[in-house]
Amino acid sequence: MSEAWEAAVESQIRGAVQRGEFDDLPGMGKPIPGRGMPYDESWWIKSFLEREALPSDLLLPTSLQLRRRVEQVPDEVRHLPTERSVRDFVAQLNAQIVAWLRNPDGPRVVVRPVNADDVVRRWRAERARPEVTTTATGPATVSAPPRRPRRSWWRRWRRRG
């Protein structure tokens, strides 16, 4: 039965070629992409992400996506214009984190809501810091780097032992 099926399919393909239905197809005469390269099981996912210009973060589980977003909060809020917009951004992220905490899926990764006051404090400090300026007569000037906090707890801990 399978031989009869194959013969019927082959005859239909042969008839379509004779009628010219396969002429002028897109990619005709071009090399097959990836030919000669080692086989990759997720080639179609990678090609879809590349073709649609999507970030590869979409492949991560929700917990890891949220963790990455928490790490990127300072960069995300840096260019927001107002404190209200910073707080709204943090509130939206915290709502996503709380939704995941209520119904976790994927790997168990510690993801805690972001403290909006800390983010706003860092945002204000970043905005108050003078930008690098270049004058026409001299080189670029940069303000002094911030001092590192004292590590008195470290010294106390070392003395205990």
N, C-alpha and C. Protein backbone atom coordinates (compact mmCIF):
# COMPACT_ATOMS: atom_id res chain seq x y z
N MET A 1 0.82 -1.18 0.00
CA MET A 1 0.00 0.00 0.00
C MET A 1 0.87 1.26 0.00
N SER A 2 1.96 1.28 0.76
CA SER A 2 2.81 2.46 0.80
C SER A 2 3.48 2.70 -0.55
N GLU A 3 3.79 1.62 -1.30
CA GLU A 3 4.39 1.81 -2.62
C GLU A 3 3.39 2.46 -3.58
N ALA A 4 2.14 2.09 -3.48
CA ALA A 4 1.12 2.70 -4.33
C ALA A 4 0.95 4.18 -3.96
N TRP A 5 1.00 4.46 -2.67
CA TRP A 5 0.89 5.84 -2.21
C TRP A 5 2.05 6.68 -2.73
N GLU A 6 3.26 6.16 -2.59
CA GLU A 6 4.44 6.86 -3.08
C GLU A 6 4.37 7.08 -4.58
N ALA A 7 3.90 6.11 -5.32
CA ALA A 7 3.79 6.23 -6.77
C ALA A 7 2.80 7.33 -7.13
N ALA A 8 1.69 7.41 -6.39
CA ALA A 8 0.68 8.43 -6.68
C ALA A 8 1.25 9.83 -6.39
N VAL A 9 1.97 9.96 -5.29
CA VAL A 9 2.55 11.25 -4.93
C VAL A 9 3.61 11.65 -5.96
N GLU A 10 4.46 10.71 -6.33
CA GLU A 10 5.50 10.98 -7.33
C GLU A 10 4.88 11.41 -8.66
N SER A 11 3.78 10.78 -9.05
CA SER A 11 3.16 11.17 -10.33
C SER A 11 2.57 12.58 -10.25
N GLN A 12 2.02 12.95 -9.10
CA GLN A 12 1.51 14.31 -8.94
C GLN A 12 2.64 15.33 -8.98
N ILE A 13 3.76 15.02 -8.34
CA ILE A 13 4.91 15.93 -8.37
C ILE A 13 5.43 16.05 -9.79
N ARG A 14 5.56 14.95 -10.48
CA ARG A 14 6.03 14.97 -11.87
C ARG A 14 5.12 15.82 -12.75
N GLY A 15 3.82 15.69 -12.56
CA GLY A 15 2.86 16.48 -13.34
C GLY A 15 2.99 17.97 -13.03
N ALA A 16 3.20 18.33 -11.75
CA ALA A 16 3.34 19.74 -11.37
C ALA A 16 4.63 20.32 -11.96
N VAL A 17 5.70 19.54 -12.00
CA VAL A 17 6.95 20.01 -12.61
C VAL A 17 6.74 20.25 -14.10
N GLN A 18 6.04 19.37 -14.77
CA GLN A 18 5.80 19.53 -16.21
C GLN A 18 4.92 20.75 -16.50
N ARG A 19 4.00 21.05 -15.59
CA ARG A 19 3.14 22.22 -15.80
C ARG A 19 3.87 23.51 -15.42
N GLY A 20 5.02 23.42 -14.76
CA GLY A 20 5.79 24.60 -14.41
C GLY A 20 5.37 25.25 -13.11
N GLU A 21 4.70 24.51 -12.23
CA GLU A 21 4.23 25.08 -10.97
C GLU A 21 5.36 25.34 -9.98
N PHE A 22 6.53 24.73 -10.19
CA PHE A 22 7.66 24.94 -9.29
C PHE A 22 8.65 25.96 -9.84
N ASP A 23 8.34 26.57 -10.97
CA ASP A 23 9.23 27.59 -11.54
C ASP A 23 9.06 28.90 -10.77
N ASP A 24 10.12 29.66 -10.67
CA ASP A 24 10.14 30.99 -10.05
C ASP A 24 9.71 30.98 -8.58
N LEU A 25 10.07 29.95 -7.86
CA LEU A 25 9.81 29.95 -6.42
C LEU A 25 10.85 30.81 -5.71
N PRO A 26 10.50 31.44 -4.58
CA PRO A 26 11.50 32.24 -3.87
C PRO A 26 12.63 31.33 -3.38
N GLY A 27 13.86 31.80 -3.53
CA GLY A 27 15.02 31.03 -3.11
C GLY A 27 15.54 30.07 -4.16
N MET A 28 14.91 30.06 -5.34
CA MET A 28 15.34 29.15 -6.40
C MET A 28 16.75 29.52 -6.86
N GLY A 29 17.62 28.55 -6.92
CA GLY A 29 18.98 28.78 -7.36
C GLY A 29 19.91 29.24 -6.27
N LYS A 30 19.39 29.47 -5.06
CA LYS A 30 20.21 29.91 -3.94
C LYS A 30 20.59 28.68 -3.10
N PRO A 31 21.75 28.74 -2.44
CA PRO A 31 22.13 27.59 -1.62
C PRO A 31 21.20 27.45 -0.41
N ILE A 32 21.05 26.24 0.04
CA ILE A 32 20.21 25.96 1.20
C ILE A 32 20.93 26.48 2.44
N PRO A 33 20.29 27.34 3.24
CA PRO A 33 20.96 27.88 4.43
C PRO A 33 21.31 26.77 5.42
N GLY A 34 22.52 26.83 5.95
CA GLY A 34 22.96 25.86 6.95
C GLY A 34 23.48 24.56 6.38
N ARG A 35 23.48 24.43 5.09
CA ARG A 35 23.98 23.19 4.49
C ARG A 35 25.49 23.10 4.72
N GLY A 36 25.95 21.94 5.12
CA GLY A 36 27.36 21.75 5.40
C GLY A 36 27.74 22.06 6.84
N MET A 37 26.80 22.57 7.62
CA MET A 37 27.06 22.86 9.03
C MET A 37 26.54 21.71 9.88
N PRO A 38 27.06 21.54 11.10
CA PRO A 38 26.56 20.46 11.96
C PRO A 38 25.09 20.68 12.31
N TYR A 39 24.38 19.59 12.53
CA TYR A 39 22.96 19.66 12.82
C TYR A 39 22.71 20.28 14.19
N ASP A 40 21.76 21.18 14.23
CA ASP A 40 21.36 21.83 15.47
C ASP A 40 19.87 21.57 15.67
N GLU A 41 19.51 20.97 16.80
CA GLU A 41 18.12 20.60 17.03
C GLU A 41 17.19 21.80 17.10
N SER A 42 17.68 22.93 17.55
CA SER A 42 16.82 24.10 17.70
C SER A 42 17.06 25.13 16.59
N TRP A 43 17.41 24.66 15.40
CA TRP A 43 17.68 25.58 14.29
C TRP A 43 16.46 26.41 13.94
N TRP A 44 15.29 25.82 14.01
CA TRP A 44 14.08 26.54 13.60
C TRP A 44 13.73 27.63 14.60
N ILE A 45 14.00 27.40 15.90
CA ILE A 45 13.73 28.43 16.91
C ILE A 45 14.68 29.61 16.70
N LYS A 46 15.95 29.28 16.50
CA LYS A 46 16.95 30.33 16.29
C LYS A 46 16.66 31.13 15.03
N SER A 47 16.27 30.44 13.97
CA SER A 47 15.98 31.17 12.73
C SER A 47 14.73 32.03 12.89
N PHE A 48 13.74 31.56 13.64
CA PHE A 48 12.53 32.36 13.88
C PHE A 48 12.86 33.62 14.65
N LEU A 49 13.66 33.48 15.74
CA LEU A 49 14.04 34.65 16.53
C LEU A 49 14.83 35.64 15.71
N GLU A 50 15.72 35.14 14.87
CA GLU A 50 16.53 36.02 14.02
C GLU A 50 15.66 36.71 12.96
N ARG A 51 14.78 35.94 12.33
CA ARG A 51 13.93 36.49 11.27
C ARG A 51 12.97 37.54 11.81
N GLU A 52 12.42 37.31 13.00
CA GLU A 52 11.45 38.23 13.58
C GLU A 52 12.09 39.30 14.46
N ALA A 53 13.41 39.27 14.58
CA ALA A 53 14.18 40.23 15.39
C ALA A 53 13.67 40.25 16.83
N LEU A 54 13.52 39.07 17.42
CA LEU A 54 13.06 38.93 18.80
C LEU A 54 14.25 38.63 19.70
N PRO A 55 14.22 39.08 20.95
CA PRO A 55 15.33 38.77 21.86
C PRO A 55 15.31 37.30 22.26
N SER A 56 16.47 36.74 22.51
CA SER A 56 16.56 35.33 22.90
C SER A 56 16.07 35.11 24.33
N ASP A 57 15.84 36.19 25.08
CA ASP A 57 15.31 36.07 26.44
C ASP A 57 13.93 35.43 26.46
N LEU A 58 13.23 35.47 25.34
CA LEU A 58 11.89 34.89 25.30
C LEU A 58 11.91 33.39 25.51
N LEU A 59 13.07 32.76 25.33
CA LEU A 59 13.17 31.32 25.51
C LEU A 59 13.35 30.93 26.97
N LEU A 60 13.67 31.91 27.81
CA LEU A 60 13.89 31.63 29.23
C LEU A 60 12.56 31.39 29.95
N PRO A 61 12.58 30.59 31.02
CA PRO A 61 11.38 30.45 31.84
C PRO A 61 11.03 31.78 32.51
N THR A 62 9.80 31.92 32.94
CA THR A 62 9.31 33.17 33.51
C THR A 62 10.16 33.64 34.68
N SER A 63 10.55 32.72 35.56
CA SER A 63 11.32 33.12 36.73
C SER A 63 12.66 33.74 36.34
N LEU A 64 13.31 33.18 35.35
CA LEU A 64 14.60 33.73 34.92
C LEU A 64 14.42 35.04 34.15
N GLN A 65 13.33 35.16 33.40
CA GLN A 65 13.05 36.43 32.73
C GLN A 65 12.85 37.54 33.77
N LEU A 66 12.08 37.24 34.83
CA LEU A 66 11.84 38.23 35.87
C LEU A 66 13.14 38.57 36.60
N ARG A 67 13.95 37.57 36.87
CA ARG A 67 15.23 37.82 37.55
C ARG A 67 16.11 38.74 36.70
N ARG A 68 16.14 38.50 35.41
CA ARG A 68 16.94 39.33 34.51
C ARG A 68 16.39 40.76 34.46
N ARG A 69 15.06 40.89 34.45
CA ARG A 69 14.47 42.23 34.44
C ARG A 69 14.79 42.99 35.72
N VAL A 70 14.80 42.28 36.87
CA VAL A 70 15.15 42.92 38.14
C VAL A 70 16.58 43.43 38.08
N GLU A 71 17.48 42.64 37.50
CA GLU A 71 18.87 43.06 37.39
C GLU A 71 19.03 44.27 36.47
N GLN A 72 18.14 44.42 35.50
CA GLN A 72 18.26 45.50 34.52
C GLN A 72 17.46 46.75 34.91
N VAL A 73 16.83 46.76 36.08
CA VAL A 73 16.02 47.90 36.49
C VAL A 73 16.79 49.22 36.45
N PRO A 74 18.01 49.30 37.00
CA PRO A 74 18.72 50.60 36.95
C PRO A 74 18.91 51.12 35.52
N ASP A 75 19.21 50.23 34.60
CA ASP A 75 19.39 50.66 33.22
C ASP A 75 18.06 51.06 32.58
N GLU A 76 16.99 50.36 32.95
CA GLU A 76 15.68 50.64 32.38
C GLU A 76 15.13 52.00 32.83
N VAL A 77 15.34 52.34 34.09
CA VAL A 77 14.75 53.58 34.62
C VAL A 77 15.65 54.79 34.44
N ARG A 78 16.87 54.57 34.02
CA ARG A 78 17.84 55.67 33.92
C ARG A 78 17.32 56.84 33.09
N HIS A 79 16.64 56.57 32.01
CA HIS A 79 16.22 57.64 31.09
C HIS A 79 14.75 58.02 31.25
N LEU A 80 14.10 57.52 32.29
CA LEU A 80 12.71 57.92 32.51
C LEU A 80 12.68 59.35 33.03
N PRO A 81 11.69 60.14 32.61
CA PRO A 81 11.72 61.58 32.90
C PRO A 81 11.31 61.98 34.31
N THR A 82 10.38 61.24 34.93
CA THR A 82 9.86 61.68 36.23
C THR A 82 9.92 60.55 37.25
N GLU A 83 9.82 60.96 38.52
CA GLU A 83 9.80 59.97 39.60
C GLU A 83 8.55 59.11 39.49
N ARG A 84 7.43 59.70 39.11
CA ARG A 84 6.18 58.95 38.95
C ARG A 84 6.34 57.84 37.92
N SER A 85 7.04 58.12 36.80
CA SER A 85 7.23 57.10 35.77
C SER A 85 8.14 55.98 36.29
N VAL A 86 9.12 56.32 37.12
CA VAL A 86 9.99 55.30 37.72
C VAL A 86 9.17 54.40 38.64
N ARG A 87 8.35 55.04 39.48
CA ARG A 87 7.51 54.25 40.40
C ARG A 87 6.50 53.39 39.64
N ASP A 88 5.94 53.91 38.55
CA ASP A 88 5.01 53.11 37.74
C ASP A 88 5.71 51.90 37.13
N PHE A 89 6.94 52.11 36.64
CA PHE A 89 7.70 51.01 36.06
C PHE A 89 7.95 49.92 37.10
N VAL A 90 8.38 50.33 38.30
CA VAL A 90 8.65 49.37 39.38
C VAL A 90 7.35 48.68 39.80
N ALA A 91 6.26 49.42 39.87
CA ALA A 91 4.98 48.82 40.26
C ALA A 91 4.54 47.77 39.24
N GLN A 92 4.72 48.05 37.98
CA GLN A 92 4.36 47.09 36.93
C GLN A 92 5.22 45.83 37.04
N LEU A 93 6.52 45.99 37.25
CA LEU A 93 7.40 44.84 37.41
C LEU A 93 7.04 44.05 38.66
N ASN A 94 6.76 44.74 39.76
CA ASN A 94 6.37 44.04 40.99
C ASN A 94 5.07 43.28 40.82
N ALA A 95 4.14 43.82 40.04
CA ALA A 95 2.88 43.10 39.79
C ALA A 95 3.16 41.79 39.04
N GLN A 96 4.07 41.82 38.10
CA GLN A 96 4.44 40.59 37.37
C GLN A 96 5.12 39.60 38.30
N ILE A 97 5.97 40.10 39.20
CA ILE A 97 6.67 39.21 40.13
C ILE A 97 5.68 38.57 41.09
N VAL A 98 4.75 39.36 41.63
CA VAL A 98 3.76 38.82 42.57
C VAL A 98 2.86 37.80 41.86
N ALA A 99 2.49 38.07 40.62
CA ALA A 99 1.68 37.10 39.87
C ALA A 99 2.43 35.79 39.70
N TRP A 100 3.73 35.87 39.45
CA TRP A 100 4.51 34.64 39.31
C TRP A 100 4.64 33.93 40.66
N LEU A 101 4.83 34.69 41.74
CA LEU A 101 4.97 34.08 43.06
C LEU A 101 3.69 33.36 43.47
N ARG A 102 2.54 33.87 43.05
CA ARG A 102 1.27 33.23 43.40
C ARG A 102 1.07 31.91 42.66
N ASN A 103 1.58 31.84 41.43
CA ASN A 103 1.42 30.64 40.62
C ASN A 103 2.74 30.36 39.90
N PRO A 104 3.76 29.88 40.63
CA PRO A 104 5.07 29.70 40.01
C PRO A 104 5.08 28.55 39.02
N ASP A 105 5.81 28.75 37.95
CA ASP A 105 6.04 27.68 36.98
C ASP A 105 7.52 27.71 36.60
N GLY A 106 8.01 26.62 36.10
CA GLY A 106 9.41 26.56 35.73
C GLY A 106 10.30 26.37 36.94
N PRO A 107 11.59 26.64 36.76
CA PRO A 107 12.52 26.41 37.87
C PRO A 107 12.27 27.37 39.02
N ARG A 108 12.51 26.87 40.22
CA ARG A 108 12.35 27.70 41.42
C ARG A 108 13.58 28.57 41.58
N VAL A 109 13.43 29.83 41.28
CA VAL A 109 14.49 30.82 41.41
C VAL A 109 13.98 31.90 42.34
N VAL A 110 14.83 32.37 43.23
CA VAL A 110 14.43 33.41 44.16
C VAL A 110 14.26 34.72 43.40
N VAL A 111 13.04 35.21 43.38
CA VAL A 111 12.73 36.50 42.75
C VAL A 111 11.88 37.26 43.75
N ARG A 112 12.39 38.39 44.20
CA ARG A 112 11.67 39.21 45.18
C ARG A 112 11.22 40.50 44.52
N PRO A 113 10.11 41.06 44.99
CA PRO A 113 9.69 42.37 44.46
C PRO A 113 10.77 43.42 44.71
N VAL A 114 10.79 44.40 43.83
CA VAL A 114 11.79 45.47 43.88
C VAL A 114 11.29 46.56 44.80
N ASN A 115 12.18 47.11 45.61
CA ASN A 115 11.85 48.21 46.50
C ASN A 115 11.85 49.51 45.69
N ALA A 116 10.69 50.10 45.52
CA ALA A 116 10.55 51.30 44.69
C ALA A 116 11.33 52.47 45.26
N ASP A 117 11.38 52.59 46.60
CA ASP A 117 12.10 53.71 47.21
C ASP A 117 13.60 53.63 46.91
N ASP A 118 14.16 52.42 46.95
CA ASP A 118 15.58 52.27 46.62
C ASP A 118 15.86 52.62 45.17
N VAL A 119 14.98 52.20 44.28
CA VAL A 119 15.16 52.50 42.86
C VAL A 119 15.08 54.00 42.63
N VAL A 120 14.11 54.66 43.26
CA VAL A 120 13.97 56.11 43.10
C VAL A 120 15.18 56.82 43.69
N ARG A 121 15.68 56.35 44.82
CA ARG A 121 16.87 56.97 45.43
C ARG A 121 18.07 56.88 44.48
N ARG A 122 18.27 55.69 43.88
CA ARG A 122 19.38 55.54 42.93
C ARG A 122 19.14 56.38 41.68
N TRP A 123 17.88 56.47 41.25
CA TRP A 123 17.54 57.26 40.06
C TRP A 123 17.86 58.73 40.30
N ARG A 124 17.49 59.24 41.50
CA ARG A 124 17.80 60.64 41.83
C ARG A 124 19.30 60.88 41.89
N ALA A 125 20.02 59.95 42.52
CA ALA A 125 21.47 60.10 42.63
C ALA A 125 22.11 60.10 41.25
N GLU A 126 21.62 59.27 40.37
CA GLU A 126 22.16 59.21 39.00
C GLU A 126 21.89 60.52 38.26
N ARG A 127 20.72 61.08 38.46
CA ARG A 127 20.38 62.34 37.78
C ARG A 127 21.15 63.52 38.38
N ALA A 128 21.47 63.44 39.67
CA ALA A 128 22.20 64.54 40.32
C ALA A 128 23.68 64.51 39.97
N ARG A 129 24.18 63.33 39.60
CA ARG A 129 25.59 63.22 39.26
C ARG A 129 25.86 63.99 37.97
N PRO A 130 26.91 64.84 37.97
CA PRO A 130 27.19 65.62 36.76
C PRO A 130 27.64 64.71 35.63
N GLU A 131 27.20 65.07 34.43
CA GLU A 131 27.56 64.33 33.23
C GLU A 131 28.99 64.64 32.84
N VAL A 132 29.57 63.80 32.00
CA VAL A 132 30.90 64.07 31.46
C VAL A 132 30.76 65.22 30.47
N THR A 133 31.57 66.25 30.66
CA THR A 133 31.47 67.41 29.77
C THR A 133 32.77 67.58 29.01
N THR A 134 32.64 67.99 27.78
CA THR A 134 33.81 68.26 26.96
C THR A 134 33.78 69.72 26.57
N THR A 135 34.86 70.41 26.84
CA THR A 135 34.94 71.81 26.45
C THR A 135 35.78 71.93 25.19
N ALA A 136 35.59 73.04 24.50
CA ALA A 136 36.31 73.23 23.25
C ALA A 136 37.80 73.44 23.49
N THR A 137 38.17 73.92 24.68
CA THR A 137 39.58 74.22 24.94
C THR A 137 40.30 73.13 25.72
N GLY A 138 39.58 72.26 26.39
CA GLY A 138 40.27 71.29 27.22
C GLY A 138 39.68 69.90 27.09
N PRO A 139 40.29 68.94 27.79
CA PRO A 139 39.79 67.57 27.74
C PRO A 139 38.52 67.40 28.55
N ALA A 140 37.95 66.23 28.47
CA ALA A 140 36.72 65.92 29.20
C ALA A 140 37.00 65.94 30.70
N THR A 141 36.01 66.44 31.47
CA THR A 141 36.15 66.46 32.92
C THR A 141 35.13 65.52 33.51
N VAL A 142 35.53 64.80 34.53
CA VAL A 142 34.65 63.84 35.18
C VAL A 142 34.68 64.12 36.67
N SER A 143 33.53 64.02 37.31
CA SER A 143 33.50 64.23 38.75
C SER A 143 34.21 63.07 39.45
N ALA A 144 34.58 63.27 40.69
CA ALA A 144 35.28 62.23 41.44
C ALA A 144 34.38 61.02 41.62
N PRO A 145 34.96 59.81 41.56
CA PRO A 145 34.13 58.62 41.74
C PRO A 145 33.58 58.55 43.14
N PRO A 146 32.40 57.96 43.32
CA PRO A 146 31.81 57.88 44.65
C PRO A 146 32.67 57.00 45.57
N ARG A 147 32.70 57.37 46.85
CA ARG A 147 33.47 56.59 47.81
C ARG A 147 32.76 55.29 48.11
N ARG A 148 33.54 54.26 48.32
CA ARG A 148 32.97 52.97 48.70
C ARG A 148 32.55 53.03 50.16
N PRO A 149 31.45 52.39 50.52
CA PRO A 149 31.02 52.40 51.91
C PRO A 149 32.04 51.66 52.78
N ARG A 150 32.11 52.08 54.02
CA ARG A 150 33.03 51.41 54.94
C ARG A 150 32.57 49.99 55.20
N ARG A 151 33.51 49.15 55.40
CA ARG A 151 33.19 47.75 55.65
C ARG A 151 33.50 47.40 57.10
N SER A 152 32.93 48.16 58.01
CA SER A 152 33.21 47.93 59.42
C SER A 152 32.67 46.57 59.86
N TRP A 153 31.59 46.11 59.26
CA TRP A 153 31.05 44.81 59.63
C TRP A 153 32.06 43.72 59.32
N TRP A 154 32.82 43.89 58.26
CA TRP A 154 33.82 42.89 57.86
C TRP A 154 34.94 42.83 58.91
N ARG A 155 35.39 44.00 59.33
CA ARG A 155 36.44 44.02 60.34
C ARG A 155 35.96 43.39 61.65
N ARG A 156 34.74 43.72 62.06
CA ARG A 156 34.20 43.14 63.29
C ARG A 156 34.09 41.63 63.19
N TRP A 157 33.67 41.15 62.05
CA TRP A 157 33.51 39.72 61.84
C TRP A 157 34.86 39.01 61.89
N ARG A 158 35.88 39.62 61.30
CA ARG A 158 37.21 39.02 61.28
C ARG A 158 37.80 38.97 62.69
N ARG A 159 37.51 39.99 63.51
CA ARG A 159 38.05 40.03 64.86
C ARG A 159 37.42 38.94 65.74
N ARG A 160 36.22 38.52 65.42
CA ARG A 160 35.52 37.52 66.23
C ARG A 160 36.23 36.19 66.21
N GLY A 161 36.83 35.83 65.09
CA GLY A 161 37.40 34.50 64.93
C GLY A 161 38.72 34.31 65.46
